[in-house]
Amino acid sequence: MSDTKWRKVFAVLQRPEFGITQVWFKFVDAEEEKPARVGVGLYPPHPFIDTLEFGPVELVAIEWVRIQNGQAENAISALKEIGELKFATRSDGVRIIDHQAYA
């Protein structure tokens, strides 16, 4: 996924009307997913976001972001407006996927 699309995803997830306060990141080089607050610093045109939990994170390092059930439903329609995003619905929530091989 392009850096621009990831920024659009995070901009949607931060919208207060969706009530999403936490997401789970899965990074390409990590085995486990990691929780983080949804508020991230978006710094276009730089290829990273800034998180409180991990510091700056390269957008290309994100394998997927998971929204827990109960919060995901409200944001999905807004996320679909961004364009060709890949989603995977799981028992623990909805993943927004960058690297399809890891869905």
PDB file of N, CA and C in Angstrom:
ATOM      1  N   MET A   1       0.851  -1.167   0.000  1.00  0.00           N
ATOM      2  CA  MET A   1       0.000   0.000   0.000  1.00  0.00           C
ATOM      3  C   MET A   1       0.898   1.232   0.000  1.00  0.00           C
ATOM      4  N   SER A   2       0.465   2.249  -0.651  1.00  0.00           N
ATOM      5  CA  SER A   2       1.278   3.463  -0.719  1.00  0.00           C
ATOM      6  C   SER A   2       1.260   4.199   0.618  1.00  0.00           C
ATOM      7  N   ASP A   3       2.275   5.017   0.826  1.00  0.00           N
ATOM      8  CA  ASP A   3       2.335   5.840   2.032  1.00  0.00           C
ATOM      9  C   ASP A   3       1.104   6.745   2.137  1.00  0.00           C
ATOM     10  N   THR A   4       0.689   7.286   1.012  1.00  0.00           N
ATOM     11  CA  THR A   4      -0.468   8.170   0.999  1.00  0.00           C
ATOM     12  C   THR A   4      -1.718   7.441   1.467  1.00  0.00           C
ATOM     13  N   LYS A   5      -1.891   6.200   1.020  1.00  0.00           N
ATOM     14  CA  LYS A   5      -3.075   5.441   1.434  1.00  0.00           C
ATOM     15  C   LYS A   5      -3.036   5.135   2.924  1.00  0.00           C
ATOM     16  N   TRP A   6      -1.868   4.773   3.453  1.00  0.00           N
ATOM     17  CA  TRP A   6      -1.765   4.534   4.894  1.00  0.00           C
ATOM     18  C   TRP A   6      -2.126   5.807   5.663  1.00  0.00           C
ATOM     19  N   ARG A   7      -1.660   6.959   5.196  1.00  0.00           N
ATOM     20  CA  ARG A   7      -2.001   8.217   5.879  1.00  0.00           C
ATOM     21  C   ARG A   7      -3.503   8.451   5.872  1.00  0.00           C
ATOM     22  N   LYS A   8      -4.149   8.144   4.750  1.00  0.00           N
ATOM     23  CA  LYS A   8      -5.605   8.290   4.662  1.00  0.00           C
ATOM     24  C   LYS A   8      -6.299   7.327   5.624  1.00  0.00           C
ATOM     25  N   VAL A   9      -5.783   6.115   5.739  1.00  0.00           N
ATOM     26  CA  VAL A   9      -6.349   5.138   6.682  1.00  0.00           C
ATOM     27  C   VAL A   9      -6.282   5.688   8.098  1.00  0.00           C
ATOM     28  N   PHE A  10      -5.109   6.163   8.508  1.00  0.00           N
ATOM     29  CA  PHE A  10      -4.966   6.673   9.872  1.00  0.00           C
ATOM     30  C   PHE A  10      -5.794   7.929  10.105  1.00  0.00           C
ATOM     31  N   ALA A  11      -5.947   8.751   9.079  1.00  0.00           N
ATOM     32  CA  ALA A  11      -6.790   9.937   9.219  1.00  0.00           C
ATOM     33  C   ALA A  11      -8.241   9.526   9.494  1.00  0.00           C
ATOM     34  N   VAL A  12      -8.725   8.486   8.829  1.00  0.00           N
ATOM     35  CA  VAL A  12     -10.084   7.982   9.083  1.00  0.00           C
ATOM     36  C   VAL A  12     -10.174   7.388  10.484  1.00  0.00           C
ATOM     37  N   LEU A  13      -9.210   6.560  10.863  1.00  0.00           N
ATOM     38  CA  LEU A  13      -9.259   5.893  12.163  1.00  0.00           C
ATOM     39  C   LEU A  13      -9.244   6.884  13.322  1.00  0.00           C
ATOM     40  N   GLN A  14      -8.677   8.061  13.115  1.00  0.00           N
ATOM     41  CA  GLN A  14      -8.596   9.072  14.165  1.00  0.00           C
ATOM     42  C   GLN A  14      -9.853   9.923  14.285  1.00  0.00           C
ATOM     43  N   ARG A  15     -10.789   9.764  13.371  1.00  0.00           N
ATOM     44  CA  ARG A  15     -12.001  10.583  13.422  1.00  0.00           C
ATOM     45  C   ARG A  15     -12.800  10.261  14.685  1.00  0.00           C
ATOM     46  N   PRO A  16     -13.138  11.253  15.480  1.00  0.00           N
ATOM     47  CA  PRO A  16     -13.784  11.013  16.775  1.00  0.00           C
ATOM     48  C   PRO A  16     -15.130  10.299  16.691  1.00  0.00           C
ATOM     49  N   GLU A  17     -15.849  10.467  15.605  1.00  0.00           N
ATOM     50  CA  GLU A  17     -17.172   9.837  15.516  1.00  0.00           C
ATOM     51  C   GLU A  17     -17.109   8.310  15.474  1.00  0.00           C
ATOM     52  N   PHE A  18     -15.943   7.751  15.164  1.00  0.00           N
ATOM     53  CA  PHE A  18     -15.819   6.293  15.124  1.00  0.00           C
ATOM     54  C   PHE A  18     -15.458   5.707  16.489  1.00  0.00           C
ATOM     55  N   GLY A  19     -14.987   6.527  17.400  1.00  0.00           N
ATOM     56  CA  GLY A  19     -14.707   6.062  18.752  1.00  0.00           C
ATOM     57  C   GLY A  19     -13.592   5.040  18.859  1.00  0.00           C
ATOM     58  N   ILE A  20     -12.696   5.015  17.897  1.00  0.00           N
ATOM     59  CA  ILE A  20     -11.587   4.056  17.926  1.00  0.00           C
ATOM     60  C   ILE A  20     -10.454   4.666  18.738  1.00  0.00           C
ATOM     61  N   THR A  21     -10.109   4.009  19.814  1.00  0.00           N
ATOM     62  CA  THR A  21      -9.056   4.540  20.684  1.00  0.00           C
ATOM     63  C   THR A  21      -7.779   3.725  20.608  1.00  0.00           C
ATOM     64  N   GLN A  22      -7.876   2.493  20.130  1.00  0.00           N
ATOM     65  CA  GLN A  22      -6.698   1.640  20.068  1.00  0.00           C
ATOM     66  C   GLN A  22      -6.769   0.757  18.831  1.00  0.00           C
ATOM     67  N   VAL A  23      -5.616   0.538  18.229  1.00  0.00           N
ATOM     68  CA  VAL A  23      -5.481  -0.401  17.115  1.00  0.00           C
ATOM     69  C   VAL A  23      -4.298  -1.312  17.436  1.00  0.00           C
ATOM     70  N   TRP A  24      -4.176  -2.366  16.668  1.00  0.00           N
ATOM     71  CA  TRP A  24      -3.057  -3.284  16.841  1.00  0.00           C
ATOM     72  C   TRP A  24      -2.261  -3.305  15.550  1.00  0.00           C
ATOM     73  N   PHE A  25      -0.965  -3.051  15.673  1.00  0.00           N
ATOM     74  CA  PHE A  25      -0.056  -3.069  14.533  1.00  0.00           C
ATOM     75  C   PHE A  25       0.613  -4.425  14.434  1.00  0.00           C
ATOM     76  N   LYS A  26       0.753  -4.922  13.217  1.00  0.00           N
ATOM     77  CA  LYS A  26       1.607  -6.075  12.943  1.00  0.00           C
ATOM     78  C   LYS A  26       2.634  -5.574  11.951  1.00  0.00           C
ATOM     79  N   PHE A  27       3.895  -5.625  12.368  1.00  0.00           N
ATOM     80  CA  PHE A  27       4.984  -5.160  11.513  1.00  0.00           C
ATOM     81  C   PHE A  27       5.604  -6.335  10.767  1.00  0.00           C
ATOM     82  N   VAL A  28       6.132  -6.060   9.613  1.00  0.00           N
ATOM     83  CA  VAL A  28       6.708  -7.090   8.757  1.00  0.00           C
ATOM     84  C   VAL A  28       7.807  -7.870   9.485  1.00  0.00           C
ATOM     85  N   ASP A  29       8.600  -7.189  10.290  1.00  0.00           N
ATOM     86  CA  ASP A  29       9.746  -7.838  10.937  1.00  0.00           C
ATOM     87  C   ASP A  29       9.452  -8.342  12.354  1.00  0.00           C
ATOM     88  N   ALA A  30       8.178  -8.393  12.749  1.00  0.00           N
ATOM     89  CA  ALA A  30       7.827  -8.814  14.110  1.00  0.00           C
ATOM     90  C   ALA A  30       6.887 -10.018  14.061  1.00  0.00           C
ATOM     91  N   GLU A  31       6.986 -10.859  15.068  1.00  0.00           N
ATOM     92  CA  GLU A  31       6.118 -12.025  15.152  1.00  0.00           C
ATOM     93  C   GLU A  31       4.754 -11.680  15.735  1.00  0.00           C
ATOM     94  N   GLU A  32       4.731 -10.795  16.715  1.00  0.00           N
ATOM     95  CA  GLU A  32       3.515 -10.487  17.454  1.00  0.00           C
ATOM     96  C   GLU A  32       2.954  -9.130  17.046  1.00  0.00           C
ATOM     97  N   GLU A  33       1.642  -9.008  17.159  1.00  0.00           N
ATOM     98  CA  GLU A  33       1.028  -7.702  16.967  1.00  0.00           C
ATOM     99  C   GLU A  33       1.223  -6.879  18.235  1.00  0.00           C
ATOM    100  N   LYS A  34       1.186  -5.550  18.063  1.00  0.00           N
ATOM    101  CA  LYS A  34       1.437  -4.650  19.184  1.00  0.00           C
ATOM    102  C   LYS A  34       0.339  -3.597  19.258  1.00  0.00           C
ATOM    103  N   PRO A  35      -0.231  -3.381  20.460  1.00  0.00           N
ATOM    104  CA  PRO A  35      -1.277  -2.364  20.575  1.00  0.00           C
ATOM    105  C   PRO A  35      -0.699  -0.956  20.597  1.00  0.00           C
ATOM    106  N   ALA A  36      -1.486  -0.029  20.093  1.00  0.00           N
ATOM    107  CA  ALA A  36      -1.082   1.380  20.109  1.00  0.00           C
ATOM    108  C   ALA A  36      -2.338   2.244  20.095  1.00  0.00           C
ATOM    109  N   ARG A  37      -2.229   3.417  20.672  1.00  0.00           N
ATOM    110  CA  ARG A  37      -3.326   4.379  20.572  1.00  0.00           C
ATOM    111  C   ARG A  37      -3.481   4.792  19.131  1.00  0.00           C
ATOM    112  N   VAL A  38      -4.684   5.124  18.772  1.00  0.00           N
ATOM    113  CA  VAL A  38      -4.952   5.433  17.370  1.00  0.00           C
ATOM    114  C   VAL A  38      -4.380   6.776  16.937  1.00  0.00           C
ATOM    115  N   GLY A  39      -4.159   7.688  17.838  1.00  0.00           N
ATOM    116  CA  GLY A  39      -3.613   8.989  17.466  1.00  0.00           C
ATOM    117  C   GLY A  39      -2.169   8.895  17.028  1.00  0.00           C
ATOM    118  N   VAL A  40      -1.928   9.145  15.769  1.00  0.00           N
ATOM    119  CA  VAL A  40      -0.566   9.102  15.234  1.00  0.00           C
ATOM    120  C   VAL A  40      -0.268  10.429  14.563  1.00  0.00           C
ATOM    121  N   GLY A  41       1.014  10.767  14.512  1.00  0.00           N
ATOM    122  CA  GLY A  41       1.426  11.969  13.809  1.00  0.00           C
ATOM    123  C   GLY A  41       1.630  11.662  12.339  1.00  0.00           C
ATOM    124  N   LEU A  42       0.914  12.371  11.490  1.00  0.00           N
ATOM    125  CA  LEU A  42       1.041  12.187  10.040  1.00  0.00           C
ATOM    126  C   LEU A  42       1.942  13.285   9.504  1.00  0.00           C
ATOM    127  N   TYR A  43       3.015  12.911   8.849  1.00  0.00           N
ATOM    128  CA  TYR A  43       3.998  13.892   8.392  1.00  0.00           C
ATOM    129  C   TYR A  43       4.262  13.789   6.898  1.00  0.00           C
ATOM    130  N   PRO A  44       3.265  14.079   6.060  1.00  0.00           N
ATOM    131  CA  PRO A  44       3.538  14.032   4.635  1.00  0.00           C
ATOM    132  C   PRO A  44       4.579  15.081   4.273  1.00  0.00           C
ATOM    133  N   PRO A  45       5.461  14.852   3.361  1.00  0.00           N
ATOM    134  CA  PRO A  45       5.550  13.669   2.510  1.00  0.00           C
ATOM    135  C   PRO A  45       6.506  12.611   3.059  1.00  0.00           C
ATOM    136  N   HIS A  46       6.875  12.691   4.314  1.00  0.00           N
ATOM    137  CA  HIS A  46       7.821  11.726   4.873  1.00  0.00           C
ATOM    138  C   HIS A  46       7.218  10.325   4.924  1.00  0.00           C
ATOM    139  N   PRO A  47       8.047   9.305   4.758  1.00  0.00           N
ATOM    140  CA  PRO A  47       7.542   7.927   4.678  1.00  0.00           C
ATOM    141  C   PRO A  47       7.348   7.270   6.049  1.00  0.00           C
ATOM    142  N   PHE A  48       6.890   8.037   7.041  1.00  0.00           N
ATOM    143  CA  PHE A  48       6.679   7.457   8.362  1.00  0.00           C
ATOM    144  C   PHE A  48       5.525   8.160   9.066  1.00  0.00           C
ATOM    145  N   ILE A  49       5.052   7.502  10.129  1.00  0.00           N
ATOM    146  CA  ILE A  49       4.123   8.114  11.068  1.00  0.00           C
ATOM    147  C   ILE A  49       4.813   8.112  12.418  1.00  0.00           C
ATOM    148  N   ASP A  50       4.337   8.931  13.318  1.00  0.00           N
ATOM    149  CA  ASP A  50       4.924   8.982  14.651  1.00  0.00           C
ATOM    150  C   ASP A  50       3.891   8.465  15.645  1.00  0.00           C
ATOM    151  N   THR A  51       4.277   7.456  16.425  1.00  0.00           N
ATOM    152  CA  THR A  51       3.383   6.879  17.423  1.00  0.00           C
ATOM    153  C   THR A  51       3.952   7.140  18.808  1.00  0.00           C
ATOM    154  N   LEU A  52       3.086   7.225  19.776  1.00  0.00           N
ATOM    155  CA  LEU A  52       3.545   7.397  21.157  1.00  0.00           C
ATOM    156  C   LEU A  52       4.263   6.142  21.655  1.00  0.00           C
ATOM    157  N   GLU A  53       3.773   4.980  21.266  1.00  0.00           N
ATOM    158  CA  GLU A  53       4.303   3.720  21.770  1.00  0.00           C
ATOM    159  C   GLU A  53       5.635   3.314  21.152  1.00  0.00           C
ATOM    160  N   PHE A  54       5.806   3.537  19.848  1.00  0.00           N
ATOM    161  CA  PHE A  54       6.983   3.029  19.138  1.00  0.00           C
ATOM    162  C   PHE A  54       7.885   4.116  18.581  1.00  0.00           C
ATOM    163  N   GLY A  55       7.464   5.368  18.668  1.00  0.00           N
ATOM    164  CA  GLY A  55       8.206   6.429  18.007  1.00  0.00           C
ATOM    165  C   GLY A  55       7.891   6.420  16.522  1.00  0.00           C
ATOM    166  N   PRO A  56       8.777   6.963  15.699  1.00  0.00           N
ATOM    167  CA  PRO A  56       8.531   6.967  14.254  1.00  0.00           C
ATOM    168  C   PRO A  56       8.511   5.546  13.687  1.00  0.00           C
ATOM    169  N   VAL A  57       7.553   5.293  12.815  1.00  0.00           N
ATOM    170  CA  VAL A  57       7.394   3.984  12.183  1.00  0.00           C
ATOM    171  C   VAL A  57       7.319   4.200  10.679  1.00  0.00           C
ATOM    172  N   GLU A  58       8.172   3.509   9.953  1.00  0.00           N
ATOM    173  CA  GLU A  58       8.097   3.578   8.491  1.00  0.00           C
ATOM    174  C   GLU A  58       6.807   2.925   8.031  1.00  0.00           C
ATOM    175  N   LEU A  59       6.103   3.570   7.151  1.00  0.00           N
ATOM    176  CA  LEU A  59       4.837   3.035   6.667  1.00  0.00           C
ATOM    177  C   LEU A  59       5.024   1.701   5.947  1.00  0.00           C
ATOM    178  N   VAL A  60       6.146   1.521   5.276  1.00  0.00           N
ATOM    179  CA  VAL A  60       6.391   0.250   4.580  1.00  0.00           C
ATOM    180  C   VAL A  60       6.624  -0.905   5.545  1.00  0.00           C
ATOM    181  N   ALA A  61       6.852  -0.610   6.815  1.00  0.00           N
ATOM    182  CA  ALA A  61       7.077  -1.658   7.810  1.00  0.00           C
ATOM    183  C   ALA A  61       5.769  -2.235   8.350  1.00  0.00           C
ATOM    184  N   ILE A  62       4.640  -1.634   8.006  1.00  0.00           N
ATOM    185  CA  ILE A  62       3.350  -2.093   8.517  1.00  0.00           C
ATOM    186  C   ILE A  62       2.830  -3.226   7.633  1.00  0.00           C
ATOM    187  N   GLU A  63       2.620  -4.368   8.251  1.00  0.00           N
ATOM    188  CA  GLU A  63       2.030  -5.516   7.551  1.00  0.00           C
ATOM    189  C   GLU A  63       0.515  -5.380   7.536  1.00  0.00           C
ATOM    190  N   TRP A  64      -0.053  -5.118   8.709  1.00  0.00           N
ATOM    191  CA  TRP A  64      -1.476  -4.836   8.820  1.00  0.00           C
ATOM    192  C   TRP A  64      -1.772  -4.089  10.113  1.00  0.00           C
ATOM    193  N   VAL A  65      -2.970  -3.499  10.145  1.00  0.00           N
ATOM    194  CA  VAL A  65      -3.488  -2.812  11.324  1.00  0.00           C
ATOM    195  C   VAL A  65      -4.845  -3.441  11.618  1.00  0.00           C
ATOM    196  N   ARG A  66      -5.060  -3.798  12.886  1.00  0.00           N
ATOM    197  CA  ARG A  66      -6.324  -4.426  13.277  1.00  0.00           C
ATOM    198  C   ARG A  66      -7.155  -3.472  14.120  1.00  0.00           C
ATOM    199  N   ILE A  67      -8.449  -3.417  13.792  1.00  0.00           N
ATOM    200  CA  ILE A  67      -9.430  -2.674  14.580  1.00  0.00           C
ATOM    201  C   ILE A  67     -10.286  -3.720  15.264  1.00  0.00           C
ATOM    202  N   GLN A  68     -10.491  -3.585  16.561  1.00  0.00           N
ATOM    203  CA  GLN A  68     -11.249  -4.601  17.278  1.00  0.00           C
ATOM    204  C   GLN A  68     -12.712  -4.577  16.888  1.00  0.00           C
ATOM    205  N   ASN A  69     -13.354  -5.731  17.043  1.00  0.00           N
ATOM    206  CA  ASN A  69     -14.790  -5.830  16.788  1.00  0.00           C
ATOM    207  C   ASN A  69     -15.531  -4.828  17.655  1.00  0.00           C
ATOM    208  N   GLY A  70     -16.623  -4.324  17.136  1.00  0.00           N
ATOM    209  CA  GLY A  70     -17.400  -3.329  17.857  1.00  0.00           C
ATOM    210  C   GLY A  70     -17.012  -1.913  17.476  1.00  0.00           C
ATOM    211  N   GLN A  71     -15.774  -1.715  17.064  1.00  0.00           N
ATOM    212  CA  GLN A  71     -15.330  -0.395  16.610  1.00  0.00           C
ATOM    213  C   GLN A  71     -15.135  -0.388  15.098  1.00  0.00           C
ATOM    214  N   ALA A  72     -14.849  -1.524  14.540  1.00  0.00           N
ATOM    215  CA  ALA A  72     -14.511  -1.601  13.119  1.00  0.00           C
ATOM    216  C   ALA A  72     -15.691  -1.277  12.211  1.00  0.00           C
ATOM    217  N   GLU A  73     -16.867  -1.747  12.578  1.00  0.00           N
ATOM    218  CA  GLU A  73     -18.022  -1.620  11.703  1.00  0.00           C
ATOM    219  C   GLU A  73     -18.300  -0.172  11.305  1.00  0.00           C
ATOM    220  N   ASN A  74     -18.151   0.736  12.251  1.00  0.00           N
ATOM    221  CA  ASN A  74     -18.438   2.143  11.968  1.00  0.00           C
ATOM    222  C   ASN A  74     -17.455   2.761  10.982  1.00  0.00           C
ATOM    223  N   ALA A  75     -16.228   2.311  11.004  1.00  0.00           N
ATOM    224  CA  ALA A  75     -15.197   2.924  10.171  1.00  0.00           C
ATOM    225  C   ALA A  75     -15.059   2.277   8.801  1.00  0.00           C
ATOM    226  N   ILE A  76     -15.542   1.066   8.633  1.00  0.00           N
ATOM    227  CA  ILE A  76     -15.310   0.328   7.384  1.00  0.00           C
ATOM    228  C   ILE A  76     -15.838   1.076   6.164  1.00  0.00           C
ATOM    229  N   SER A  77     -17.034   1.624   6.232  1.00  0.00           N
ATOM    230  CA  SER A  77     -17.568   2.311   5.045  1.00  0.00           C
ATOM    231  C   SER A  77     -16.722   3.525   4.682  1.00  0.00           C
ATOM    232  N   ALA A  78     -16.248   4.252   5.685  1.00  0.00           N
ATOM    233  CA  ALA A  78     -15.370   5.399   5.408  1.00  0.00           C
ATOM    234  C   ALA A  78     -14.039   4.928   4.847  1.00  0.00           C
ATOM    235  N   LEU A  79     -13.535   3.822   5.357  1.00  0.00           N
ATOM    236  CA  LEU A  79     -12.268   3.283   4.843  1.00  0.00           C
ATOM    237  C   LEU A  79     -12.421   2.809   3.403  1.00  0.00           C
ATOM    238  N   LYS A  80     -13.556   2.242   3.070  1.00  0.00           N
ATOM    239  CA  LYS A  80     -13.784   1.764   1.698  1.00  0.00           C
ATOM    240  C   LYS A  80     -13.795   2.912   0.701  1.00  0.00           C
ATOM    241  N   GLU A  81     -14.134   4.106   1.141  1.00  0.00           N
ATOM    242  CA  GLU A  81     -14.135   5.275   0.256  1.00  0.00           C
ATOM    243  C   GLU A  81     -12.725   5.679  -0.167  1.00  0.00           C
ATOM    244  N   ILE A  82     -11.723   5.251   0.586  1.00  0.00           N
ATOM    245  CA  ILE A  82     -10.333   5.576   0.250  1.00  0.00           C
ATOM    246  C   ILE A  82      -9.941   4.922  -1.066  1.00  0.00           C
ATOM    247  N   GLY A  83     -10.491   3.762  -1.325  1.00  0.00           N
ATOM    248  CA  GLY A  83     -10.124   3.045  -2.547  1.00  0.00           C
ATOM    249  C   GLY A  83      -9.750   1.625  -2.230  1.00  0.00           C
ATOM    250  N   GLU A  84      -8.968   1.050  -3.046  1.00  0.00           N
ATOM    251  CA  GLU A  84      -8.665  -0.370  -3.019  1.00  0.00           C
ATOM    252  C   GLU A  84      -7.874  -0.801  -1.787  1.00  0.00           C
ATOM    253  N   LEU A  85      -8.554  -0.920  -0.668  1.00  0.00           N
ATOM    254  CA  LEU A  85      -7.937  -1.450   0.542  1.00  0.00           C
ATOM    255  C   LEU A  85      -8.298  -2.919   0.663  1.00  0.00           C
ATOM    256  N   LYS A  86      -7.414  -3.670   1.288  1.00  0.00           N
ATOM    257  CA  LYS A  86      -7.670  -5.083   1.520  1.00  0.00           C
ATOM    258  C   LYS A  86      -8.045  -5.268   2.985  1.00  0.00           C
ATOM    259  N   PHE A  87      -9.172  -5.947   3.217  1.00  0.00           N
ATOM    260  CA  PHE A  87      -9.654  -6.205   4.567  1.00  0.00           C
ATOM    261  C   PHE A  87      -9.706  -7.705   4.809  1.00  0.00           C
ATOM    262  N   ALA A  88      -9.468  -8.086   6.034  1.00  0.00           N
ATOM    263  CA  ALA A  88      -9.656  -9.477   6.442  1.00  0.00           C
ATOM    264  C   ALA A  88     -10.420  -9.451   7.762  1.00  0.00           C
ATOM    265  N   THR A  89     -11.604 -10.048   7.756  1.00  0.00           N
ATOM    266  CA  THR A  89     -12.405 -10.107   8.968  1.00  0.00           C
ATOM    267  C   THR A  89     -12.017 -11.359   9.737  1.00  0.00           C
ATOM    268  N   ARG A  90     -11.664 -11.165  10.992  1.00  0.00           N
ATOM    269  CA  ARG A  90     -11.248 -12.254  11.874  1.00  0.00           C
ATOM    270  C   ARG A  90     -12.108 -12.231  13.125  1.00  0.00           C
ATOM    271  N   SER A  91     -11.975 -13.236  13.962  1.00  0.00           N
ATOM    272  CA  SER A  91     -12.760 -13.285  15.200  1.00  0.00           C
ATOM    273  C   SER A  91     -12.401 -12.151  16.154  1.00  0.00           C
ATOM    274  N   ASP A  92     -11.175 -11.612  16.031  1.00  0.00           N
ATOM    275  CA  ASP A  92     -10.731 -10.551  16.933  1.00  0.00           C
ATOM    276  C   ASP A  92     -10.846  -9.149  16.332  1.00  0.00           C
ATOM    277  N   GLY A  93     -11.386  -9.034  15.146  1.00  0.00           N
ATOM    278  CA  GLY A  93     -11.550  -7.725  14.540  1.00  0.00           C
ATOM    279  C   GLY A  93     -11.338  -7.752  13.039  1.00  0.00           C
ATOM    280  N   VAL A  94     -11.129  -6.569  12.484  1.00  0.00           N
ATOM    281  CA  VAL A  94     -10.915  -6.420  11.047  1.00  0.00           C
ATOM    282  C   VAL A  94      -9.503  -5.913  10.823  1.00  0.00           C
ATOM    283  N   ARG A  95      -8.802  -6.583   9.934  1.00  0.00           N
ATOM    284  CA  ARG A  95      -7.449  -6.160   9.581  1.00  0.00           C
ATOM    285  C   ARG A  95      -7.483  -5.373   8.285  1.00  0.00           C
ATOM    286  N   ILE A  96      -6.724  -4.300   8.278  1.00  0.00           N
ATOM    287  CA  ILE A  96      -6.467  -3.539   7.055  1.00  0.00           C
ATOM    288  C   ILE A  96      -5.071  -3.977   6.644  1.00  0.00           C
ATOM    289  N   ILE A  97      -4.978  -4.604   5.499  1.00  0.00           N
ATOM    290  CA  ILE A  97      -3.770  -5.340   5.130  1.00  0.00           C
ATOM    291  C   ILE A  97      -2.962  -4.617   4.074  1.00  0.00           C
ATOM    292  N   ASP A  98      -1.651  -4.604   4.287  1.00  0.00           N
ATOM    293  CA  ASP A  98      -0.751  -4.104   3.262  1.00  0.00           C
ATOM    294  C   ASP A  98      -0.126  -5.281   2.516  1.00  0.00           C
ATOM    295  N   HIS A  99       0.467  -6.164   3.227  1.00  0.00           N
ATOM    296  CA  HIS A  99       1.150  -7.300   2.609  1.00  0.00           C
ATOM    297  C   HIS A  99       0.191  -8.484   2.533  1.00  0.00           C
ATOM    298  N   GLN A 100      -0.403  -8.704   1.369  1.00  0.00           N
ATOM    299  CA  GLN A 100      -1.454  -9.705   1.187  1.00  0.00           C
ATOM    300  C   GLN A 100      -1.019 -11.106   1.589  1.00  0.00           C
ATOM    301  N   ALA A 101       0.231 -11.434   1.420  1.00  0.00           N
ATOM    302  CA  ALA A 101       0.695 -12.788   1.739  1.00  0.00           C
ATOM    303  C   ALA A 101       0.522 -13.127   3.215  1.00  0.00           C
ATOM    304  N   TYR A 102       0.403 -12.101   4.058  1.00  0.00           N
ATOM    305  CA  TYR A 102       0.333 -12.330   5.504  1.00  0.00           C
ATOM    306  C   TYR A 102      -1.073 -12.220   6.049  1.00  0.00           C
ATOM    307  N   ALA A 103      -2.087 -12.126   5.206  1.00  0.00           N
ATOM    308  CA  ALA A 103      -3.461 -11.957   5.676  1.00  0.00           C
ATOM    309  C   ALA A 103      -3.873 -13.176   6.464  1.00  0.00           C
TER     310      ALA A 103
END
